[in-house]
């Protein structure tokens, strides 16, 4: 969704036109494929939604600086390797944001059962 949102960032008036990139159409194809083949299962096991404020779990990525995450009082941060920076083949801000989430799940994936937090 970030690439789709990015296309609208410099639009000054709502009636102005924007050029839709090939990446935009690739994103739409990915979402269409996902929605049509999604079996309804999710990674969240609880039937009730737990938001980030309750869970105290947040991740973020900067296109040029790096990535990080917070889970309760624990945190991590990292800098991008040259091959992970924006502008490299197949690297987008969406990929970088997902990378931060994957790192957080790798670090804290088994932590929830040891605390009072719901499972990630």
Foldseek 3Di string as FASTA:
>chain_A
DVVVVVQCPPDPDPPDDTDQDPVNVVVVVVVVVCVVPPPPDDPAPDPDDDDCVRQVWDKAADQAAWIKITGPPDIDIDGDDPCQHPPHPPHDRVVRRVVRVVVCCVVCQPVCVVDVHGGD
